[in-house]
Amino acid sequence: MFDDAENMASSITPTRWEELRKKARQLENEIDLKLVSFSKLGTNYSQRDGYKESSDTSPLLNSSSSERLFETMGLEIEQLLSKLTEVNDSMAEYTAGFNLGQPNATQLHTLQRHRDILQGYSHEFSKTKANIQAFRDREDLLGSVHRDINAYKTGMNRRTDLYLKENEHIRNSDRLADDVIGVALATKENLQSQRGVLHGVTSRLSAVTSILFII
């Protein structure tokens, strides 16, 4: 009875081991592809940082789509790494639990290889993510500086506009004052002319009155 159970276990456990290995390879392939795309995103960030004024920016980095892409890809890779870690742990439990205290050298070597691959992927992901975040932080800083400069220029333009409007107001006031002075001078000349006419009339009336008194 015991021999039958042992034979059944020996026929089942290799299948479980192969399933775990297959799952690990599938996850590794997925992670590898994701890391390639993630690395390209980091390269594009670097190019955008170096040629920010260029109009040939990669479509991956248009507007806020690059931010969403960075967050989405990062989350997907983290989830895949977590799943691969779980598979590696299951493989370690398998080698510890189904070999009756006598670890299989081939299985241990395979497990270590998968662990090394996981460690390499984790390191590459962390490095790329840190580089991209550094570029994002630098862009935010430069963007803040540009906004401050633009705000200063806008303020200067507004002050210049006010200065020009004030000058125009002063010129208009000067023209109005000149017009008022011109009208006043014309009025003065007119009054003086009228005064001369009245003086002549008064003189003639005085002469006529004198003649009348003599008669």
N, C-alpha and C. Protein backbone atom coordinates (compact mmCIF):
# COMPACT_ATOMS: atom_id res chain seq x y z
N MET A 1 0.84 -1.20 0.00
CA MET A 1 0.00 0.00 0.00
C MET A 1 0.87 1.24 0.00
N PHE A 2 1.93 1.26 0.86
CA PHE A 2 2.83 2.38 0.93
C PHE A 2 3.59 2.55 -0.38
N ASP A 3 4.02 1.41 -0.97
CA ASP A 3 4.74 1.47 -2.24
C ASP A 3 3.87 2.08 -3.32
N ASP A 4 2.57 1.73 -3.33
CA ASP A 4 1.66 2.28 -4.34
C ASP A 4 1.53 3.79 -4.19
N ALA A 5 1.45 4.28 -2.97
CA ALA A 5 1.33 5.72 -2.74
C ALA A 5 2.60 6.43 -3.16
N GLU A 6 3.75 5.78 -2.86
CA GLU A 6 5.03 6.39 -3.24
C GLU A 6 5.18 6.45 -4.74
N ASN A 7 4.77 5.36 -5.42
CA ASN A 7 4.85 5.35 -6.89
C ASN A 7 3.92 6.41 -7.48
N MET A 8 2.73 6.57 -6.87
CA MET A 8 1.79 7.59 -7.37
C MET A 8 2.38 8.98 -7.21
N ALA A 9 3.03 9.21 -6.05
CA ALA A 9 3.64 10.51 -5.82
C ALA A 9 4.74 10.79 -6.82
N SER A 10 5.54 9.73 -7.12
CA SER A 10 6.65 9.92 -8.05
C SER A 10 6.16 10.17 -9.45
N SER A 11 4.95 9.69 -9.78
CA SER A 11 4.41 9.91 -11.12
C SER A 11 3.73 11.27 -11.24
N ILE A 12 3.32 11.85 -10.08
CA ILE A 12 2.61 13.13 -10.10
C ILE A 12 3.57 14.30 -9.98
N THR A 13 4.53 14.17 -9.06
CA THR A 13 5.38 15.31 -8.76
C THR A 13 6.20 15.82 -9.94
N PRO A 14 6.75 14.99 -10.81
CA PRO A 14 7.47 15.54 -11.97
C PRO A 14 6.58 16.40 -12.83
N THR A 15 5.29 16.04 -12.94
CA THR A 15 4.36 16.84 -13.72
C THR A 15 4.19 18.21 -13.08
N ARG A 16 4.08 18.26 -11.77
CA ARG A 16 3.96 19.52 -11.05
C ARG A 16 5.20 20.37 -11.26
N TRP A 17 6.36 19.75 -11.21
CA TRP A 17 7.62 20.48 -11.42
C TRP A 17 7.68 21.08 -12.81
N GLU A 18 7.28 20.31 -13.80
CA GLU A 18 7.29 20.81 -15.18
C GLU A 18 6.27 21.93 -15.37
N GLU A 19 5.15 21.82 -14.69
CA GLU A 19 4.16 22.89 -14.77
C GLU A 19 4.72 24.19 -14.22
N LEU A 20 5.42 24.08 -13.09
CA LEU A 20 6.01 25.27 -12.50
C LEU A 20 7.09 25.86 -13.40
N ARG A 21 7.91 25.01 -13.97
CA ARG A 21 8.95 25.49 -14.88
C ARG A 21 8.35 26.17 -16.10
N LYS A 22 7.29 25.56 -16.64
CA LYS A 22 6.62 26.14 -17.80
C LYS A 22 6.04 27.51 -17.46
N LYS A 23 5.41 27.59 -16.30
CA LYS A 23 4.82 28.86 -15.87
C LYS A 23 5.90 29.90 -15.66
N ALA A 24 7.03 29.50 -15.10
CA ALA A 24 8.13 30.43 -14.87
C ALA A 24 8.67 30.96 -16.20
N ARG A 25 8.83 30.09 -17.18
CA ARG A 25 9.35 30.53 -18.49
C ARG A 25 8.37 31.46 -19.18
N GLN A 26 7.08 31.18 -19.05
CA GLN A 26 6.08 32.06 -19.66
C GLN A 26 6.14 33.46 -19.04
N LEU A 27 6.21 33.50 -17.73
CA LEU A 27 6.29 34.80 -17.05
C LEU A 27 7.58 35.53 -17.41
N GLU A 28 8.67 34.79 -17.49
CA GLU A 28 9.95 35.41 -17.85
C GLU A 28 9.90 36.01 -19.25
N ASN A 29 9.28 35.30 -20.18
CA ASN A 29 9.15 35.84 -21.54
C ASN A 29 8.29 37.12 -21.55
N GLU A 30 7.20 37.10 -20.79
CA GLU A 30 6.34 38.28 -20.72
C GLU A 30 7.09 39.47 -20.10
N ILE A 31 7.80 39.18 -19.03
CA ILE A 31 8.55 40.26 -18.37
C ILE A 31 9.63 40.81 -19.28
N ASP A 32 10.29 39.92 -20.00
CA ASP A 32 11.35 40.35 -20.91
C ASP A 32 10.81 41.32 -21.96
N LEU A 33 9.67 40.99 -22.54
CA LEU A 33 9.07 41.86 -23.55
C LEU A 33 8.65 43.20 -22.94
N LYS A 34 8.07 43.14 -21.75
CA LYS A 34 7.64 44.36 -21.08
C LYS A 34 8.84 45.26 -20.75
N LEU A 35 9.93 44.63 -20.32
CA LEU A 35 11.11 45.41 -19.97
C LEU A 35 11.73 46.08 -21.19
N VAL A 36 11.67 45.41 -22.33
CA VAL A 36 12.18 46.02 -23.57
C VAL A 36 11.39 47.28 -23.89
N SER A 37 10.07 47.19 -23.81
CA SER A 37 9.22 48.36 -24.07
C SER A 37 9.45 49.44 -23.03
N PHE A 38 9.61 49.02 -21.78
CA PHE A 38 9.83 49.98 -20.70
C PHE A 38 11.17 50.69 -20.88
N SER A 39 12.17 49.95 -21.35
CA SER A 39 13.47 50.55 -21.60
C SER A 39 13.40 51.55 -22.75
N LYS A 40 12.61 51.24 -23.78
CA LYS A 40 12.43 52.18 -24.89
C LYS A 40 11.76 53.45 -24.40
N LEU A 41 10.81 53.30 -23.48
CA LEU A 41 10.15 54.48 -22.91
C LEU A 41 11.18 55.35 -22.19
N GLY A 42 12.09 54.71 -21.46
CA GLY A 42 13.13 55.46 -20.78
C GLY A 42 14.05 56.16 -21.75
N THR A 43 14.38 55.49 -22.87
CA THR A 43 15.22 56.11 -23.89
C THR A 43 14.53 57.32 -24.50
N ASN A 44 13.24 57.19 -24.74
CA ASN A 44 12.49 58.31 -25.32
C ASN A 44 12.41 59.48 -24.36
N TYR A 45 12.31 59.18 -23.07
CA TYR A 45 12.34 60.25 -22.08
C TYR A 45 13.68 60.98 -22.14
N SER A 46 14.76 60.21 -22.27
CA SER A 46 16.08 60.81 -22.34
C SER A 46 16.21 61.69 -23.57
N GLN A 47 15.70 61.22 -24.70
CA GLN A 47 15.76 62.00 -25.94
C GLN A 47 14.91 63.26 -25.81
N ARG A 48 13.75 63.14 -25.19
CA ARG A 48 12.89 64.32 -25.02
C ARG A 48 13.56 65.33 -24.10
N ASP A 49 14.29 64.84 -23.12
CA ASP A 49 14.98 65.73 -22.20
C ASP A 49 16.09 66.49 -22.92
N GLY A 50 16.75 65.80 -23.88
CA GLY A 50 17.85 66.43 -24.60
C GLY A 50 17.41 67.31 -25.75
N TYR A 51 16.27 66.98 -26.32
CA TYR A 51 15.79 67.74 -27.48
C TYR A 51 14.36 68.19 -27.24
N LYS A 52 14.15 68.88 -26.14
CA LYS A 52 12.80 69.24 -25.73
C LYS A 52 12.15 70.21 -26.69
N GLU A 53 12.96 71.02 -27.39
CA GLU A 53 12.40 72.00 -28.30
C GLU A 53 12.08 71.41 -29.67
N SER A 54 12.48 70.16 -29.89
CA SER A 54 12.25 69.55 -31.20
C SER A 54 10.79 69.18 -31.36
N SER A 55 10.33 69.26 -32.60
CA SER A 55 8.94 68.89 -32.90
C SER A 55 8.80 67.43 -33.25
N ASP A 56 9.93 66.69 -33.24
CA ASP A 56 9.90 65.28 -33.64
C ASP A 56 9.84 64.37 -32.43
N THR A 57 9.20 64.80 -31.37
CA THR A 57 9.08 63.98 -30.17
C THR A 57 8.30 62.72 -30.46
N SER A 58 8.72 61.62 -29.85
CA SER A 58 8.06 60.34 -30.09
C SER A 58 6.60 60.38 -29.71
N PRO A 59 5.73 59.72 -30.49
CA PRO A 59 4.30 59.69 -30.16
C PRO A 59 4.03 59.10 -28.79
N LEU A 60 4.97 58.24 -28.30
CA LEU A 60 4.76 57.64 -26.99
C LEU A 60 4.72 58.71 -25.90
N LEU A 61 5.26 59.87 -26.19
CA LEU A 61 5.44 60.86 -25.15
C LEU A 61 4.57 62.09 -25.35
N ASN A 62 3.55 61.99 -26.16
CA ASN A 62 2.69 63.14 -26.40
C ASN A 62 1.83 63.42 -25.19
N SER A 63 1.79 64.70 -24.81
CA SER A 63 0.97 65.22 -23.73
C SER A 63 1.07 64.32 -22.50
N SER A 64 -0.09 64.01 -21.90
CA SER A 64 -0.08 63.23 -20.65
C SER A 64 -0.10 61.73 -20.91
N SER A 65 -0.11 61.31 -22.17
CA SER A 65 -0.15 59.87 -22.47
C SER A 65 1.10 59.18 -21.96
N SER A 66 2.24 59.89 -21.99
CA SER A 66 3.48 59.28 -21.51
C SER A 66 3.40 58.98 -20.02
N GLU A 67 2.75 59.87 -19.27
CA GLU A 67 2.62 59.64 -17.84
C GLU A 67 1.75 58.42 -17.55
N ARG A 68 0.65 58.32 -18.28
CA ARG A 68 -0.24 57.15 -18.08
C ARG A 68 0.47 55.87 -18.51
N LEU A 69 1.23 55.95 -19.60
CA LEU A 69 1.95 54.77 -20.09
C LEU A 69 3.00 54.33 -19.08
N PHE A 70 3.71 55.28 -18.50
CA PHE A 70 4.72 54.96 -17.49
C PHE A 70 4.08 54.26 -16.30
N GLU A 71 2.97 54.79 -15.82
CA GLU A 71 2.31 54.20 -14.67
C GLU A 71 1.76 52.82 -14.98
N THR A 72 1.14 52.68 -16.17
CA THR A 72 0.53 51.41 -16.55
C THR A 72 1.57 50.32 -16.73
N MET A 73 2.63 50.62 -17.49
CA MET A 73 3.67 49.64 -17.74
C MET A 73 4.37 49.25 -16.45
N GLY A 74 4.62 50.22 -15.59
CA GLY A 74 5.28 49.93 -14.32
C GLY A 74 4.45 48.99 -13.47
N LEU A 75 3.15 49.23 -13.42
CA LEU A 75 2.26 48.38 -12.62
C LEU A 75 2.21 46.96 -13.20
N GLU A 76 2.13 46.84 -14.52
CA GLU A 76 2.07 45.52 -15.15
C GLU A 76 3.34 44.72 -14.86
N ILE A 77 4.50 45.36 -14.96
CA ILE A 77 5.76 44.66 -14.71
C ILE A 77 5.86 44.25 -13.24
N GLU A 78 5.44 45.11 -12.34
CA GLU A 78 5.47 44.77 -10.91
C GLU A 78 4.59 43.56 -10.63
N GLN A 79 3.43 43.49 -11.26
CA GLN A 79 2.54 42.35 -11.06
C GLN A 79 3.15 41.07 -11.61
N LEU A 80 3.80 41.16 -12.78
CA LEU A 80 4.44 39.97 -13.36
C LEU A 80 5.61 39.50 -12.49
N LEU A 81 6.39 40.43 -11.98
CA LEU A 81 7.50 40.07 -11.09
C LEU A 81 6.98 39.40 -9.82
N SER A 82 5.86 39.88 -9.32
CA SER A 82 5.26 39.28 -8.13
C SER A 82 4.82 37.85 -8.42
N LYS A 83 4.21 37.64 -9.58
CA LYS A 83 3.77 36.29 -9.94
C LYS A 83 4.97 35.35 -10.12
N LEU A 84 6.03 35.86 -10.75
CA LEU A 84 7.22 35.04 -10.95
C LEU A 84 7.85 34.69 -9.60
N THR A 85 7.83 35.60 -8.67
CA THR A 85 8.34 35.33 -7.33
C THR A 85 7.54 34.20 -6.68
N GLU A 86 6.23 34.23 -6.83
CA GLU A 86 5.38 33.18 -6.26
C GLU A 86 5.69 31.82 -6.90
N VAL A 87 5.92 31.81 -8.20
CA VAL A 87 6.24 30.54 -8.88
C VAL A 87 7.58 30.01 -8.38
N ASN A 88 8.57 30.91 -8.25
CA ASN A 88 9.87 30.49 -7.74
C ASN A 88 9.75 29.93 -6.32
N ASP A 89 8.92 30.56 -5.51
CA ASP A 89 8.71 30.06 -4.15
C ASP A 89 8.06 28.68 -4.18
N SER A 90 7.12 28.49 -5.10
CA SER A 90 6.48 27.18 -5.22
C SER A 90 7.48 26.12 -5.66
N MET A 91 8.40 26.50 -6.55
CA MET A 91 9.44 25.57 -6.99
C MET A 91 10.37 25.21 -5.84
N ALA A 92 10.66 26.21 -4.99
CA ALA A 92 11.52 25.94 -3.83
C ALA A 92 10.81 25.01 -2.85
N GLU A 93 9.53 25.24 -2.63
CA GLU A 93 8.76 24.35 -1.75
C GLU A 93 8.70 22.95 -2.32
N TYR A 94 8.58 22.86 -3.63
CA TYR A 94 8.54 21.54 -4.28
C TYR A 94 9.83 20.78 -4.03
N THR A 95 10.96 21.45 -4.27
CA THR A 95 12.25 20.75 -4.09
C THR A 95 12.47 20.35 -2.64
N ALA A 96 11.91 21.14 -1.71
CA ALA A 96 12.09 20.83 -0.29
C ALA A 96 11.12 19.77 0.19
N GLY A 97 9.95 19.67 -0.44
CA GLY A 97 8.93 18.80 0.10
C GLY A 97 8.78 17.46 -0.58
N PHE A 98 9.29 17.32 -1.79
CA PHE A 98 9.03 16.09 -2.53
C PHE A 98 10.29 15.28 -2.81
N ASN A 99 11.40 15.65 -2.18
CA ASN A 99 12.62 14.89 -2.42
C ASN A 99 13.09 14.15 -1.17
N LEU A 100 12.22 14.09 -0.15
CA LEU A 100 12.48 13.29 1.06
C LEU A 100 13.84 13.60 1.66
N GLY A 101 14.13 14.93 1.77
CA GLY A 101 15.38 15.33 2.42
C GLY A 101 16.60 15.20 1.54
N GLN A 102 16.47 14.79 0.32
CA GLN A 102 17.60 14.65 -0.58
C GLN A 102 17.36 15.51 -1.83
N PRO A 103 17.77 16.78 -1.77
CA PRO A 103 17.50 17.70 -2.87
C PRO A 103 18.07 17.18 -4.19
N ASN A 104 17.32 17.36 -5.24
CA ASN A 104 17.75 16.99 -6.58
C ASN A 104 18.65 18.10 -7.12
N ALA A 105 19.89 17.75 -7.46
CA ALA A 105 20.87 18.75 -7.89
C ALA A 105 20.41 19.48 -9.14
N THR A 106 19.80 18.75 -10.06
CA THR A 106 19.33 19.36 -11.30
C THR A 106 18.22 20.36 -11.02
N GLN A 107 17.31 19.98 -10.15
CA GLN A 107 16.22 20.87 -9.81
C GLN A 107 16.73 22.11 -9.07
N LEU A 108 17.67 21.91 -8.16
CA LEU A 108 18.23 23.05 -7.44
C LEU A 108 18.94 24.01 -8.39
N HIS A 109 19.65 23.45 -9.36
CA HIS A 109 20.34 24.29 -10.34
C HIS A 109 19.32 25.08 -11.18
N THR A 110 18.23 24.40 -11.57
CA THR A 110 17.18 25.06 -12.35
C THR A 110 16.52 26.16 -11.53
N LEU A 111 16.23 25.86 -10.27
CA LEU A 111 15.61 26.85 -9.39
C LEU A 111 16.51 28.07 -9.23
N GLN A 112 17.80 27.84 -9.04
CA GLN A 112 18.73 28.96 -8.87
C GLN A 112 18.79 29.81 -10.14
N ARG A 113 18.72 29.15 -11.27
CA ARG A 113 18.75 29.89 -12.55
C ARG A 113 17.51 30.80 -12.65
N HIS A 114 16.36 30.27 -12.30
CA HIS A 114 15.14 31.08 -12.35
C HIS A 114 15.20 32.23 -11.34
N ARG A 115 15.81 31.96 -10.20
CA ARG A 115 15.96 33.03 -9.20
C ARG A 115 16.89 34.13 -9.71
N ASP A 116 17.97 33.72 -10.38
CA ASP A 116 18.91 34.70 -10.94
C ASP A 116 18.23 35.55 -12.00
N ILE A 117 17.41 34.89 -12.83
CA ILE A 117 16.68 35.63 -13.86
C ILE A 117 15.74 36.64 -13.23
N LEU A 118 15.03 36.20 -12.19
CA LEU A 118 14.10 37.10 -11.48
C LEU A 118 14.86 38.29 -10.88
N GLN A 119 15.99 38.00 -10.27
CA GLN A 119 16.77 39.08 -9.66
C GLN A 119 17.26 40.07 -10.72
N GLY A 120 17.69 39.53 -11.86
CA GLY A 120 18.14 40.41 -12.95
C GLY A 120 17.02 41.29 -13.48
N TYR A 121 15.84 40.69 -13.66
CA TYR A 121 14.69 41.47 -14.14
C TYR A 121 14.30 42.54 -13.13
N SER A 122 14.31 42.17 -11.86
CA SER A 122 13.94 43.14 -10.82
C SER A 122 14.92 44.31 -10.79
N HIS A 123 16.20 44.00 -10.93
CA HIS A 123 17.21 45.06 -10.92
C HIS A 123 17.05 45.96 -12.14
N GLU A 124 16.85 45.37 -13.30
CA GLU A 124 16.69 46.16 -14.52
C GLU A 124 15.46 47.06 -14.44
N PHE A 125 14.36 46.49 -13.92
CA PHE A 125 13.14 47.27 -13.79
C PHE A 125 13.33 48.45 -12.85
N SER A 126 13.95 48.19 -11.69
CA SER A 126 14.16 49.26 -10.71
C SER A 126 15.05 50.36 -11.27
N LYS A 127 16.08 49.97 -12.00
CA LYS A 127 17.01 50.95 -12.57
C LYS A 127 16.32 51.81 -13.63
N THR A 128 15.59 51.15 -14.53
CA THR A 128 14.89 51.89 -15.59
C THR A 128 13.83 52.81 -15.00
N LYS A 129 13.09 52.31 -14.03
CA LYS A 129 12.04 53.11 -13.39
C LYS A 129 12.64 54.33 -12.70
N ALA A 130 13.77 54.15 -12.03
CA ALA A 130 14.42 55.27 -11.35
C ALA A 130 14.91 56.31 -12.35
N ASN A 131 15.46 55.86 -13.47
CA ASN A 131 15.93 56.79 -14.50
C ASN A 131 14.78 57.60 -15.08
N ILE A 132 13.68 56.91 -15.38
CA ILE A 132 12.52 57.61 -15.94
C ILE A 132 11.97 58.62 -14.94
N GLN A 133 11.90 58.21 -13.67
CA GLN A 133 11.39 59.12 -12.64
C GLN A 133 12.29 60.35 -12.51
N ALA A 134 13.60 60.14 -12.67
CA ALA A 134 14.53 61.27 -12.60
C ALA A 134 14.28 62.25 -13.74
N PHE A 135 14.04 61.70 -14.95
CA PHE A 135 13.73 62.57 -16.10
C PHE A 135 12.41 63.31 -15.87
N ARG A 136 11.43 62.60 -15.31
CA ARG A 136 10.13 63.24 -15.04
C ARG A 136 10.28 64.38 -14.03
N ASP A 137 11.07 64.13 -12.98
CA ASP A 137 11.28 65.17 -11.98
C ASP A 137 11.99 66.37 -12.59
N ARG A 138 12.97 66.10 -13.47
CA ARG A 138 13.70 67.21 -14.10
C ARG A 138 12.76 68.00 -15.02
N GLU A 139 11.90 67.29 -15.73
CA GLU A 139 10.93 67.98 -16.59
C GLU A 139 9.99 68.84 -15.77
N ASP A 140 9.53 68.32 -14.63
CA ASP A 140 8.65 69.10 -13.76
C ASP A 140 9.35 70.37 -13.27
N LEU A 141 10.63 70.23 -12.92
CA LEU A 141 11.39 71.38 -12.45
C LEU A 141 11.56 72.41 -13.56
N LEU A 142 11.95 71.94 -14.75
CA LEU A 142 12.12 72.86 -15.87
C LEU A 142 10.80 73.51 -16.25
N GLY A 143 9.73 72.70 -16.19
CA GLY A 143 8.42 73.26 -16.51
C GLY A 143 8.03 74.36 -15.54
N SER A 144 8.36 74.15 -14.26
CA SER A 144 8.06 75.17 -13.25
C SER A 144 8.85 76.44 -13.51
N VAL A 145 10.13 76.28 -13.90
CA VAL A 145 10.97 77.45 -14.21
C VAL A 145 10.41 78.20 -15.41
N HIS A 146 10.03 77.44 -16.47
CA HIS A 146 9.46 78.08 -17.66
C HIS A 146 8.17 78.82 -17.33
N ARG A 147 7.36 78.22 -16.48
CA ARG A 147 6.11 78.89 -16.09
C ARG A 147 6.39 80.19 -15.34
N ASP A 148 7.40 80.16 -14.47
CA ASP A 148 7.76 81.37 -13.73
C ASP A 148 8.25 82.46 -14.69
N ILE A 149 9.08 82.03 -15.67
CA ILE A 149 9.60 83.00 -16.64
C ILE A 149 8.46 83.59 -17.46
N ASN A 150 7.55 82.74 -17.91
CA ASN A 150 6.42 83.22 -18.69
C ASN A 150 5.54 84.17 -17.88
N ALA A 151 5.35 83.82 -16.60
CA ALA A 151 4.55 84.70 -15.74
C ALA A 151 5.23 86.06 -15.58
N TYR A 152 6.56 86.04 -15.44
CA TYR A 152 7.30 87.29 -15.32
C TYR A 152 7.17 88.11 -16.60
N LYS A 153 7.32 87.43 -17.76
CA LYS A 153 7.18 88.13 -19.04
C LYS A 153 5.77 88.70 -19.19
N THR A 154 4.79 87.91 -18.77
CA THR A 154 3.41 88.40 -18.86
C THR A 154 3.22 89.63 -18.00
N GLY A 155 3.80 89.60 -16.79
CA GLY A 155 3.72 90.77 -15.91
C GLY A 155 4.40 91.98 -16.52
N MET A 156 5.58 91.74 -17.13
CA MET A 156 6.29 92.84 -17.78
C MET A 156 5.46 93.41 -18.93
N ASN A 157 4.86 92.54 -19.71
CA ASN A 157 4.03 93.00 -20.83
C ASN A 157 2.85 93.83 -20.33
N ARG A 158 2.27 93.37 -19.24
CA ARG A 158 1.14 94.12 -18.68
C ARG A 158 1.59 95.50 -18.20
N ARG A 159 2.74 95.54 -17.53
CA ARG A 159 3.25 96.83 -17.07
C ARG A 159 3.59 97.74 -18.24
N THR A 160 4.14 97.15 -19.30
CA THR A 160 4.44 97.94 -20.50
C THR A 160 3.17 98.48 -21.12
N ASP A 161 2.14 97.64 -21.17
CA ASP A 161 0.86 98.10 -21.72
C ASP A 161 0.29 99.25 -20.90
N LEU A 162 0.38 99.12 -19.57
CA LEU A 162 -0.11 100.20 -18.71
C LEU A 162 0.68 101.48 -18.92
N TYR A 163 2.00 101.32 -19.08
CA TYR A 163 2.86 102.49 -19.32
C TYR A 163 2.49 103.17 -20.63
N LEU A 164 2.27 102.38 -21.67
CA LEU A 164 1.90 102.94 -22.96
C LEU A 164 0.54 103.63 -22.90
N LYS A 165 -0.40 102.99 -22.19
CA LYS A 165 -1.72 103.60 -22.06
C LYS A 165 -1.64 104.90 -21.28
N GLU A 166 -0.80 104.94 -20.25
CA GLU A 166 -0.64 106.16 -19.47
C GLU A 166 -0.04 107.28 -20.32
N ASN A 167 0.96 106.90 -21.12
CA ASN A 167 1.56 107.89 -22.02
C ASN A 167 0.54 108.43 -23.02
N GLU A 168 -0.28 107.53 -23.53
CA GLU A 168 -1.30 107.95 -24.48
C GLU A 168 -2.31 108.88 -23.79
N HIS A 169 -2.64 108.57 -22.55
CA HIS A 169 -3.55 109.42 -21.79
C HIS A 169 -2.94 110.81 -21.58
N ILE A 170 -1.64 110.84 -21.28
CA ILE A 170 -0.97 112.12 -21.09
C ILE A 170 -0.96 112.92 -22.39
N ARG A 171 -0.66 112.26 -23.51
CA ARG A 171 -0.65 112.96 -24.80
C ARG A 171 -2.04 113.49 -25.14
N ASN A 172 -3.05 112.69 -24.85
CA ASN A 172 -4.42 113.15 -25.09
C ASN A 172 -4.75 114.37 -24.22
N SER A 173 -4.28 114.31 -22.96
CA SER A 173 -4.52 115.45 -22.07
C SER A 173 -3.81 116.70 -22.57
N ASP A 174 -2.59 116.52 -23.08
CA ASP A 174 -1.85 117.66 -23.62
C ASP A 174 -2.59 118.26 -24.82
N ARG A 175 -3.07 117.39 -25.70
CA ARG A 175 -3.80 117.90 -26.87
C ARG A 175 -5.07 118.64 -26.43
N LEU A 176 -5.76 118.10 -25.43
CA LEU A 176 -6.98 118.75 -24.94
C LEU A 176 -6.65 120.11 -24.33
N ALA A 177 -5.55 120.15 -23.56
CA ALA A 177 -5.15 121.44 -22.97
C ALA A 177 -4.81 122.45 -24.05
N ASP A 178 -4.10 122.01 -25.09
CA ASP A 178 -3.77 122.91 -26.21
C ASP A 178 -5.04 123.43 -26.86
N ASP A 179 -6.01 122.55 -27.04
CA ASP A 179 -7.27 122.98 -27.66
C ASP A 179 -7.98 124.01 -26.79
N VAL A 180 -7.99 123.78 -25.46
CA VAL A 180 -8.65 124.73 -24.54
C VAL A 180 -7.95 126.09 -24.59
N ILE A 181 -6.61 126.04 -24.58
CA ILE A 181 -5.84 127.29 -24.64
C ILE A 181 -6.12 128.03 -25.95
N GLY A 182 -6.20 127.26 -27.05
CA GLY A 182 -6.48 127.87 -28.34
C GLY A 182 -7.84 128.55 -28.35
N VAL A 183 -8.83 127.86 -27.77
CA VAL A 183 -10.17 128.45 -27.70
C VAL A 183 -10.15 129.71 -26.83
N ALA A 184 -9.41 129.67 -25.73
CA ALA A 184 -9.34 130.83 -24.83
C ALA A 184 -8.70 132.02 -25.52
N LEU A 185 -7.62 131.77 -26.28
CA LEU A 185 -6.95 132.85 -26.99
C LEU A 185 -7.85 133.46 -28.05
N ALA A 186 -8.56 132.55 -28.76
CA ALA A 186 -9.48 133.04 -29.78
C ALA A 186 -10.58 133.88 -29.16
N THR A 187 -11.06 133.43 -28.02
CA THR A 187 -12.11 134.19 -27.31
C THR A 187 -11.58 135.54 -26.87
N LYS A 188 -10.34 135.56 -26.35
CA LYS A 188 -9.74 136.82 -25.90
C LYS A 188 -9.61 137.80 -27.06
N GLU A 189 -9.13 137.30 -28.21
CA GLU A 189 -9.00 138.18 -29.37
C GLU A 189 -10.35 138.70 -29.80
N ASN A 190 -11.35 137.85 -29.76
CA ASN A 190 -12.69 138.27 -30.16
C ASN A 190 -13.23 139.35 -29.22
N LEU A 191 -13.00 139.15 -27.90
CA LEU A 191 -13.45 140.14 -26.93
C LEU A 191 -12.72 141.47 -27.11
N GLN A 192 -11.41 141.37 -27.39
CA GLN A 192 -10.66 142.60 -27.62
C GLN A 192 -11.17 143.34 -28.85
N SER A 193 -11.50 142.58 -29.88
CA SER A 193 -12.03 143.21 -31.09
C SER A 193 -13.36 143.88 -30.81
N GLN A 194 -14.20 143.15 -30.05
CA GLN A 194 -15.51 143.73 -29.70
C GLN A 194 -15.33 144.98 -28.83
N ARG A 195 -14.33 144.93 -27.96
CA ARG A 195 -14.07 146.09 -27.10
C ARG A 195 -13.67 147.31 -27.93
N GLY A 196 -12.86 147.09 -28.99
CA GLY A 196 -12.47 148.18 -29.87
C GLY A 196 -13.66 148.78 -30.58
N VAL A 197 -14.54 147.88 -31.05
CA VAL A 197 -15.74 148.36 -31.75
C VAL A 197 -16.60 149.19 -30.81
N LEU A 198 -16.81 148.70 -29.57
CA LEU A 198 -17.63 149.42 -28.60
C LEU A 198 -17.00 150.77 -28.25
N HIS A 199 -15.67 150.78 -28.16
CA HIS A 199 -14.97 152.03 -27.85
C HIS A 199 -15.19 153.05 -28.96
N GLY A 200 -15.16 152.58 -30.23
CA GLY A 200 -15.39 153.51 -31.35
C GLY A 200 -16.81 154.05 -31.33
N VAL A 201 -17.76 153.19 -31.03
CA VAL A 201 -19.16 153.61 -30.97
C VAL A 201 -19.36 154.62 -29.86
N THR A 202 -18.74 154.32 -28.73
CA THR A 202 -18.87 155.23 -27.57
C THR A 202 -18.29 156.60 -27.91
N SER A 203 -17.16 156.62 -28.60
CA SER A 203 -16.52 157.90 -28.97
C SER A 203 -17.43 158.71 -29.89
N ARG A 204 -18.02 158.01 -30.85
CA ARG A 204 -18.90 158.74 -31.78
C ARG A 204 -20.14 159.27 -31.06
N LEU A 205 -20.70 158.49 -30.16
CA LEU A 205 -21.87 158.94 -29.40
C LEU A 205 -21.51 160.16 -28.55
N SER A 206 -20.32 160.16 -27.98
CA SER A 206 -19.88 161.31 -27.16
C SER A 206 -19.78 162.57 -28.02
N ALA A 207 -19.25 162.40 -29.23
CA ALA A 207 -19.11 163.56 -30.13
C ALA A 207 -20.46 164.09 -30.51
N VAL A 208 -21.40 163.23 -30.82
CA VAL A 208 -22.75 163.66 -31.19
C VAL A 208 -23.40 164.37 -30.04
N THR A 209 -23.21 163.83 -28.84
CA THR A 209 -23.82 164.45 -27.64
C THR A 209 -23.26 165.87 -27.43
N SER A 210 -21.98 166.05 -27.64
CA SER A 210 -21.34 167.35 -27.47
C SER A 210 -21.93 168.36 -28.45
N ILE A 211 -22.10 167.93 -29.68
CA ILE A 211 -22.67 168.82 -30.69
C ILE A 211 -24.07 169.24 -30.30
N LEU A 212 -24.85 168.28 -29.80
CA LEU A 212 -26.22 168.58 -29.41
C LEU A 212 -26.26 169.61 -28.29
N PHE A 213 -25.35 169.52 -27.32
CA PHE A 213 -25.31 170.47 -26.23
C PHE A 213 -24.95 171.86 -26.73
N ILE A 214 -24.09 172.00 -27.73
CA ILE A 214 -23.70 173.30 -28.29
C ILE A 214 -24.88 173.95 -28.97
N ILE A 215 -25.63 173.17 -29.69
CA ILE A 215 -26.81 173.71 -30.36
C ILE A 215 -27.83 174.14 -29.33
